[in-house]
Amino acid sequence: MADLDVICIGAINYDYMFHCDEEDLIVEDSKEGNEELSNPISEVEDDILELVKKNKRYTTQIGGSAFITLKVIKHILPWLRGAYVGVCGTPNDFDLRYGRTNNLEAELSHLDNRDWLFTTAERFEDPYRRNIAKSVVRLHNHTRNCIKIAPCANNTLLERIQEQEAVKGTSFSSYLASAKWVHLSSLSDFDQFVEIMHYVLEAKRQNPGLRISMDPGFEYTSLRRERLQPLVSQVDYVFLNNSEKKNLGLNARSMKDLYGNLCAYFSKYSQDENRTLIVKHDDRHELIRFREGRCVIQTVRHKKLYRYELNNDTGAGDSFAGGFIAGMLFDRMQGDIPCSIQMGVTAAKGRMRSFDYENPYLTIQKYTGRLIDSL
């Protein structure tokens, strides 16, 4: 059985990040946090090609929310043993022509265990199921304004897990139960996400000391709110931004009703008083717990990063999650949540302050290293 500290589960995408002018933004539904998790590959490639032809400056990376989170964890605390559960598809001719990050082996070098990491080279006849997922991100004033994702091979994850269980006679839940922490981000196929969460919750039953965190994202908290409820209400730590918090609180206008709705939502299936929502704001984080039918709120403040200090905020929330989890697993922090939030904030700021020509993970490593030295 694997002896792991953290396992992350989620999508693996080939991210194209373009710096756009205001007229290049997709405006039909661009409110904060709104993103489409499943688009035709032709539509995403057409968007990329349009911006390439306009000579818009861009960078590429192998990403995906949970993938970024694990990479951040490993750059902060390299001695932790980490694994990723996902499907790393194969770059197609389009990626080989326009992409700039084609060394997949180097991108996966931080993984200590690949027992449940799947590839698709020469695996499927259908090119779509074989391709690595693509996302196109349009940045304006250094902030992410919209994102489109073509899920491709990501949508084969559940099939690959079940296949491996059958062929090798191994239990995916037992594999997860061998870790100290499991973190999940959303998948394009919500039905697959539900089934994979059942494996995670079974792992929790096998190992009650296992901690589970989740970043559900805007689409799940808005369009999947009811089906998400029995899953997210059994998670130890839930990462939300303010829009996602409002979605789960039914966008109630009064704060009393909003927090009352949150309490009812998270208390229906589980009464765990230690369950913690971590809500991210520019200058603070809310810690929300539920006790005796009421919300207990703690505020952890930090220095706001102003727009002129930003270079790219893509992946900042995922970097925060990585910093927080690293802090919670770091012996010297002794599970102190406010201290771990500070680690998360430091990681997020390292991500946002990184220039395109820099490796953001090395910047995060530098910033968080200073914090660790000061402890």
Protein backbone atom coordinates (compact mmCIF):
# COMPACT_ATOMS: atom_id res chain seq x y z
CA MET A 1 0.00 0.00 0.00
CA ALA A 2 1.25 3.50 -0.89
CA ASP A 3 2.50 5.61 1.99
CA LEU A 4 1.46 9.09 0.88
CA ASP A 5 0.93 12.46 2.50
CA VAL A 6 -1.40 14.01 -0.06
CA ILE A 7 -3.36 12.83 -3.09
CA CYS A 8 -5.02 15.32 -5.43
CA ILE A 9 -7.82 14.37 -7.82
CA GLY A 10 -8.92 16.40 -10.81
CA ALA A 11 -8.45 17.44 -14.39
CA ILE A 12 -5.21 17.91 -16.29
CA ASN A 13 -5.43 20.68 -18.89
CA TYR A 14 -3.17 22.32 -21.40
CA ASP A 15 -3.76 25.98 -20.49
CA TYR A 16 -3.30 28.80 -23.03
CA MET A 17 -3.24 32.18 -21.25
CA PHE A 18 -3.60 35.27 -23.45
CA HIS A 19 -3.15 38.92 -22.53
CA CYS A 20 -6.08 40.63 -24.22
CA ASP A 21 -7.43 44.09 -24.84
CA GLU A 22 -10.90 44.89 -23.62
CA GLU A 23 -12.41 44.36 -27.08
CA ASP A 24 -11.03 40.80 -27.15
CA LEU A 25 -13.00 39.68 -24.13
CA ILE A 26 -15.98 37.37 -24.45
CA VAL A 27 -18.74 39.47 -22.95
CA GLU A 28 -21.98 37.52 -23.33
CA ASP A 29 -21.79 36.12 -19.78
CA SER A 30 -18.61 37.31 -18.14
CA LYS A 31 -19.61 37.94 -14.53
CA GLU A 32 -17.07 37.05 -11.87
CA GLY A 33 -16.41 33.37 -11.41
CA ASN A 34 -18.57 32.20 -14.31
CA GLU A 35 -16.79 29.60 -16.39
CA GLU A 36 -17.77 26.80 -18.72
CA LEU A 37 -16.25 23.44 -17.84
CA SER A 38 -17.23 21.64 -21.06
CA ASN A 39 -16.93 23.05 -24.58
CA PRO A 40 -16.31 21.51 -28.02
CA ILE A 41 -12.60 21.23 -28.74
CA SER A 42 -13.10 23.04 -32.06
CA GLU A 43 -14.53 26.07 -30.23
CA VAL A 44 -11.61 26.26 -27.81
CA GLU A 45 -9.05 25.81 -30.60
CA ASP A 46 -10.82 28.46 -32.72
CA ASP A 47 -10.58 30.92 -29.80
CA ILE A 48 -6.88 30.15 -29.39
CA LEU A 49 -6.23 30.51 -33.12
CA GLU A 50 -8.11 33.81 -33.24
CA LEU A 51 -5.89 35.28 -30.52
CA VAL A 52 -2.71 33.82 -32.03
CA LYS A 53 -3.55 35.50 -35.36
CA LYS A 54 -4.04 38.78 -33.52
CA ASN A 55 -0.49 38.38 -32.15
CA LYS A 56 -1.70 38.46 -28.57
CA ARG A 57 1.05 37.65 -26.09
CA TYR A 58 0.47 34.30 -24.40
CA THR A 59 2.01 31.57 -22.29
CA THR A 60 1.11 27.92 -21.84
CA GLN A 61 1.29 25.51 -18.92
CA ILE A 62 0.13 22.07 -17.91
CA GLY A 63 -2.53 22.94 -15.37
CA GLY A 64 -5.88 22.05 -13.88
CA SER A 65 -6.97 23.25 -10.44
CA ALA A 66 -5.97 20.27 -8.30
CA PHE A 67 -2.86 19.73 -10.45
CA ILE A 68 -1.64 23.25 -9.63
CA THR A 69 -2.50 22.74 -5.96
CA LEU A 70 -0.35 19.60 -5.71
CA LYS A 71 2.56 21.22 -7.54
CA VAL A 72 2.44 24.15 -5.09
CA ILE A 73 2.42 21.75 -2.11
CA LYS A 74 5.48 19.94 -3.44
CA HIS A 75 7.40 23.17 -4.05
CA ILE A 76 6.71 24.37 -0.50
CA LEU A 77 7.45 21.07 1.27
CA PRO A 78 9.40 18.89 -1.20
CA TRP A 79 9.73 16.03 1.31
CA LEU A 80 5.98 15.37 1.36
CA ARG A 81 5.00 12.37 -0.74
CA GLY A 82 2.35 13.32 -3.26
CA ALA A 83 0.31 11.59 -5.95
CA TYR A 84 -2.18 12.70 -8.57
CA VAL A 85 -5.28 10.95 -9.83
CA GLY A 86 -6.20 12.08 -13.32
CA VAL A 87 -5.83 11.41 -17.04
CA CYS A 88 -2.95 13.13 -18.81
CA GLY A 89 -3.96 13.10 -22.45
CA THR A 90 -1.64 13.41 -25.43
CA PRO A 91 -0.95 16.77 -27.14
CA ASN A 92 -2.37 16.82 -30.66
CA ASP A 93 -0.98 18.50 -33.76
CA PHE A 94 -2.57 21.80 -32.70
CA ASP A 95 -0.72 21.75 -29.37
CA LEU A 96 2.56 20.80 -30.98
CA ARG A 97 2.21 23.79 -33.31
CA TYR A 98 0.94 26.47 -30.91
CA GLY A 99 1.77 25.14 -27.46
CA ARG A 100 4.97 26.02 -25.67
CA THR A 101 5.02 23.41 -22.91
CA ASN A 102 5.43 20.06 -24.57
CA ASN A 103 7.63 18.15 -22.10
CA LEU A 104 4.96 16.25 -20.20
CA GLU A 105 7.48 14.15 -18.31
CA ALA A 106 9.09 17.28 -16.85
CA GLU A 107 5.65 18.61 -15.91
CA LEU A 108 4.91 15.40 -13.98
CA SER A 109 8.30 15.14 -12.28
CA HIS A 110 6.97 16.26 -8.88
CA LEU A 111 4.82 13.13 -8.49
CA ASP A 112 6.08 10.47 -6.08
CA ASN A 113 3.47 7.90 -7.05
CA ARG A 114 1.65 7.39 -10.38
CA ASP A 115 -0.34 4.24 -9.64
CA TRP A 116 -3.62 5.99 -10.53
CA LEU A 117 -2.31 8.56 -13.02
CA PHE A 118 -3.38 7.53 -16.50
CA THR A 119 -2.14 8.38 -19.99
CA THR A 120 -3.86 7.96 -23.35
CA ALA A 121 -1.06 7.51 -25.88
CA GLU A 122 -2.28 4.94 -28.47
CA ARG A 123 -5.10 4.12 -26.05
CA PHE A 124 -8.30 5.23 -27.79
CA GLU A 125 -9.40 5.23 -31.41
CA ASP A 126 -11.46 8.35 -30.83
CA PRO A 127 -8.97 11.28 -31.00
CA TYR A 128 -11.10 13.37 -28.62
CA ARG A 129 -10.77 10.83 -25.81
CA ARG A 130 -7.03 10.62 -26.45
CA ASN A 131 -6.30 14.37 -26.52
CA ILE A 132 -5.10 16.35 -23.56
CA ALA A 133 -7.78 18.78 -22.39
CA LYS A 134 -7.42 22.40 -23.47
CA SER A 135 -8.37 25.64 -21.80
CA VAL A 136 -8.17 29.15 -23.17
CA VAL A 137 -7.92 31.97 -20.62
CA ARG A 138 -8.37 35.63 -21.56
CA LEU A 139 -6.57 38.01 -19.23
CA HIS A 140 -7.31 41.74 -19.04
CA ASN A 141 -5.42 43.99 -16.64
CA HIS A 142 -3.65 40.84 -15.36
CA THR A 143 -6.86 39.22 -14.10
CA ARG A 144 -8.72 36.24 -15.50
CA ASN A 145 -11.86 37.40 -17.23
CA CYS A 146 -13.12 34.22 -18.84
CA ILE A 147 -12.12 30.63 -19.44
CA LYS A 148 -13.28 27.88 -21.77
CA ILE A 149 -12.34 24.24 -21.29
CA ALA A 150 -12.58 21.27 -23.66
CA PRO A 151 -12.36 18.29 -21.26
CA CYS A 152 -11.20 15.60 -23.77
CA ALA A 153 -9.39 12.73 -21.95
CA ASN A 154 -10.47 14.06 -18.53
CA ASN A 155 -13.89 12.56 -19.17
CA THR A 156 -12.39 9.05 -19.19
CA LEU A 157 -11.16 9.18 -15.58
CA LEU A 158 -13.91 7.14 -13.90
CA GLU A 159 -13.70 4.49 -16.62
CA ARG A 160 -9.94 4.17 -16.09
CA ILE A 161 -10.30 3.90 -12.30
CA GLN A 162 -12.90 1.15 -12.60
CA GLU A 163 -10.84 -0.64 -15.23
CA GLN A 164 -7.75 -0.64 -13.02
CA GLU A 165 -9.72 -1.97 -10.06
CA ALA A 166 -10.98 -4.85 -12.19
CA VAL A 167 -7.69 -5.70 -13.88
CA LYS A 168 -5.41 -5.41 -10.85
CA GLY A 169 -7.88 -6.45 -8.19
CA THR A 170 -7.04 -3.33 -6.17
CA SER A 171 -9.36 -0.95 -4.36
CA PHE A 172 -9.19 2.72 -5.26
CA SER A 173 -10.71 3.63 -1.89
CA SER A 174 -7.97 1.71 -0.07
CA TYR A 175 -5.36 3.59 -2.08
CA LEU A 176 -6.90 6.92 -1.04
CA ALA A 177 -7.19 5.74 2.58
CA SER A 178 -3.41 5.32 2.74
CA ALA A 179 -2.90 9.10 2.54
CA LYS A 180 -3.15 11.81 5.17
CA TRP A 181 -4.99 14.26 2.92
CA VAL A 182 -7.11 14.08 -0.26
CA HIS A 183 -7.94 17.23 -2.23
CA LEU A 184 -10.43 17.45 -5.12
CA SER A 185 -11.38 20.03 -7.70
CA SER A 186 -14.31 19.96 -10.11
CA LEU A 187 -14.51 17.79 -13.23
CA SER A 188 -16.41 18.62 -16.41
CA ASP A 189 -18.56 15.50 -16.01
CA PHE A 190 -20.41 15.96 -12.73
CA ASP A 191 -21.75 12.39 -12.72
CA GLN A 192 -18.16 11.12 -12.74
CA PHE A 193 -17.30 13.51 -9.93
CA VAL A 194 -20.16 12.08 -7.82
CA GLU A 195 -18.92 8.51 -8.30
CA ILE A 196 -15.32 9.46 -7.50
CA MET A 197 -16.47 11.28 -4.35
CA HIS A 198 -18.12 8.06 -3.18
CA TYR A 199 -14.69 6.41 -3.35
CA VAL A 200 -13.25 9.29 -1.31
CA LEU A 201 -15.94 9.06 1.36
CA GLU A 202 -15.42 5.28 1.59
CA ALA A 203 -11.70 5.99 2.11
CA LYS A 204 -12.69 8.31 4.97
CA ARG A 205 -14.69 5.48 6.54
CA GLN A 206 -11.65 3.21 6.27
CA ASN A 207 -9.33 5.88 7.68
CA PRO A 208 -11.19 8.34 9.93
CA GLY A 209 -8.00 10.40 10.27
CA LEU A 210 -7.99 11.17 6.54
CA ARG A 211 -8.69 14.84 5.87
CA ILE A 212 -10.59 15.86 2.74
CA SER A 213 -10.65 19.27 1.08
CA MET A 214 -12.55 20.43 -1.98
CA ASP A 215 -12.61 23.42 -4.31
CA PRO A 216 -16.03 22.98 -5.95
CA GLY A 217 -15.89 26.06 -8.23
CA PHE A 218 -18.60 28.36 -9.52
CA GLU A 219 -20.44 25.95 -11.79
CA TYR A 220 -20.90 23.28 -9.12
CA THR A 221 -22.05 25.77 -6.48
CA SER A 222 -24.59 27.32 -8.84
CA LEU A 223 -25.83 24.70 -11.32
CA ARG A 224 -25.11 21.60 -9.18
CA ARG A 225 -25.96 22.96 -5.75
CA GLU A 226 -28.52 20.34 -4.70
CA ARG A 227 -26.62 17.28 -5.96
CA LEU A 228 -23.40 18.66 -4.49
CA GLN A 229 -24.91 18.97 -1.01
CA PRO A 230 -24.52 15.40 0.34
CA LEU A 231 -20.92 15.33 -0.92
CA VAL A 232 -19.57 18.72 0.09
CA SER A 233 -21.24 18.59 3.50
CA GLN A 234 -18.96 15.65 4.44
CA VAL A 235 -15.72 17.41 3.47
CA ASP A 236 -13.39 18.78 6.16
CA TYR A 237 -12.28 21.96 4.34
CA VAL A 238 -14.20 23.69 1.54
CA PHE A 239 -12.48 26.49 -0.43
CA LEU A 240 -14.85 29.15 -1.78
CA ASN A 241 -14.70 32.65 -3.17
CA ASN A 242 -17.38 35.16 -2.20
CA SER A 243 -19.55 34.44 -5.27
CA GLU A 244 -19.50 30.71 -4.53
CA LYS A 245 -20.39 31.34 -0.89
CA LYS A 246 -23.39 33.36 -2.06
CA ASN A 247 -24.43 30.59 -4.46
CA LEU A 248 -24.53 28.04 -1.62
CA GLY A 249 -26.40 30.58 0.54
CA LEU A 250 -29.06 30.97 -2.20
CA ASN A 251 -27.86 34.53 -2.87
CA ALA A 252 -29.95 35.82 0.03
CA ARG A 253 -29.83 39.61 0.31
CA SER A 254 -29.53 39.81 4.08
CA MET A 255 -26.46 38.43 5.81
CA LYS A 256 -28.68 36.74 8.42
CA ASP A 257 -30.57 34.80 5.75
CA LEU A 258 -27.40 34.05 3.76
CA TYR A 259 -25.59 32.47 6.71
CA GLY A 260 -28.76 30.75 7.84
CA ASN A 261 -29.05 29.11 4.42
CA LEU A 262 -25.40 28.05 4.59
CA CYS A 263 -25.94 26.50 8.00
CA ALA A 264 -29.00 24.57 6.81
CA TYR A 265 -27.16 23.43 3.69
CA PHE A 266 -24.09 22.07 5.45
CA SER A 267 -25.88 20.64 8.49
CA LYS A 268 -28.47 18.48 6.72
CA TYR A 269 -26.23 15.45 6.17
CA SER A 270 -23.53 15.98 8.81
CA GLN A 271 -23.25 17.74 12.16
CA ASP A 272 -19.43 17.85 12.29
CA GLU A 273 -18.57 21.04 14.17
CA ASN A 274 -15.01 21.04 12.84
CA ARG A 275 -16.08 21.28 9.18
CA THR A 276 -14.66 24.56 7.90
CA LEU A 277 -15.54 26.76 4.96
CA ILE A 278 -12.63 28.98 3.94
CA VAL A 279 -13.94 31.97 2.01
CA LYS A 280 -11.35 34.03 0.15
CA HIS A 281 -11.49 37.84 -0.02
CA ASP A 282 -8.90 40.36 -1.17
CA ASP A 283 -7.90 41.40 2.36
CA ARG A 284 -9.21 38.61 4.61
CA HIS A 285 -10.41 35.04 4.83
CA GLU A 286 -13.60 33.96 6.54
CA LEU A 287 -13.58 30.71 8.50
CA ILE A 288 -17.15 29.47 8.83
CA ARG A 289 -18.14 26.53 11.07
CA PHE A 290 -21.57 25.32 12.15
CA ARG A 291 -22.43 24.67 15.79
CA GLU A 292 -25.83 24.15 17.42
CA GLY A 293 -27.67 25.44 14.34
CA ARG A 294 -25.62 28.60 14.03
CA CYS A 295 -22.67 29.87 12.00
CA VAL A 296 -19.48 30.57 13.92
CA ILE A 297 -17.34 32.99 11.91
CA GLN A 298 -13.68 33.83 12.41
CA THR A 299 -11.87 36.41 10.28
CA VAL A 300 -8.19 36.08 9.37
CA ARG A 301 -6.89 39.31 7.87
CA HIS A 302 -3.96 39.80 5.50
CA LYS A 303 -2.49 42.60 3.44
CA LYS A 304 -4.34 43.21 0.19
CA LEU A 305 -2.42 42.84 -3.06
CA TYR A 306 -3.27 45.84 -5.24
CA ARG A 307 -3.85 45.65 -8.99
CA TYR A 308 -0.58 47.35 -9.85
CA GLU A 309 1.24 44.54 -8.01
CA LEU A 310 -0.44 41.82 -10.09
CA ASN A 311 1.08 40.12 -13.11
CA ASN A 312 -1.35 37.19 -13.54
CA ASP A 313 -3.97 35.98 -11.08
CA THR A 314 -4.68 32.70 -12.92
CA GLY A 315 -4.30 29.83 -10.48
CA ALA A 316 -4.14 32.08 -7.41
CA GLY A 317 -7.00 30.25 -5.66
CA ASP A 318 -5.45 26.87 -6.44
CA SER A 319 -2.11 28.13 -5.11
CA PHE A 320 -3.83 29.29 -1.92
CA ALA A 321 -5.25 25.79 -1.47
CA GLY A 322 -1.79 24.30 -1.96
CA GLY A 323 -0.24 26.66 0.57
CA PHE A 324 -2.99 25.99 3.10
CA ILE A 325 -2.71 22.20 2.78
CA ALA A 326 1.09 22.39 3.03
CA GLY A 327 0.70 24.46 6.19
CA MET A 328 -1.71 21.98 7.73
CA LEU A 329 0.69 19.11 6.98
CA PHE A 330 3.78 20.99 8.21
CA ASP A 331 4.72 19.72 11.68
CA ARG A 332 5.98 23.11 12.86
CA MET A 333 2.56 24.69 12.26
CA GLN A 334 0.80 21.98 14.33
CA GLY A 335 -2.46 22.19 12.38
CA ASP A 336 -2.93 25.89 13.16
CA ILE A 337 -5.53 27.09 10.64
CA PRO A 338 -4.79 30.87 10.72
CA CYS A 339 -1.08 30.13 10.30
CA SER A 340 -1.84 27.77 7.41
CA ILE A 341 -4.03 30.45 5.83
CA GLN A 342 -1.02 32.78 5.94
CA MET A 343 0.96 30.12 4.08
CA GLY A 344 -1.84 29.94 1.53
CA VAL A 345 -1.95 33.71 1.11
CA THR A 346 1.82 33.80 0.65
CA ALA A 347 1.61 31.10 -2.05
CA ALA A 348 -1.22 32.93 -3.84
CA LYS A 349 0.71 36.20 -3.81
CA GLY A 350 3.76 34.42 -5.20
CA ARG A 351 1.61 33.13 -8.04
CA MET A 352 0.04 36.52 -8.78
CA ARG A 353 3.36 38.38 -8.70
CA SER A 354 5.10 36.00 -11.11
CA PHE A 355 5.89 37.38 -14.55
CA ASP A 356 5.16 35.35 -17.68
CA TYR A 357 8.83 34.61 -18.19
CA GLU A 358 9.19 33.18 -14.66
CA ASN A 359 8.39 29.76 -13.27
CA PRO A 360 5.60 30.69 -10.80
CA TYR A 361 6.29 27.64 -8.63
CA LEU A 362 9.84 28.80 -7.97
CA THR A 363 8.49 32.23 -7.01
CA ILE A 364 6.04 30.58 -4.62
CA GLN A 365 8.87 28.49 -3.21
CA LYS A 366 10.90 31.64 -2.56
CA TYR A 367 8.07 33.53 -0.85
CA THR A 368 6.91 30.62 1.31
CA GLY A 369 10.52 29.74 2.16
CA ARG A 370 10.89 33.16 3.79
CA LEU A 371 7.74 32.54 5.80
CA ILE A 372 9.01 29.14 6.97
CA ASP A 373 12.37 30.65 7.95
CA SER A 374 10.56 33.23 10.10
CA LEU A 375 8.64 30.64 12.14
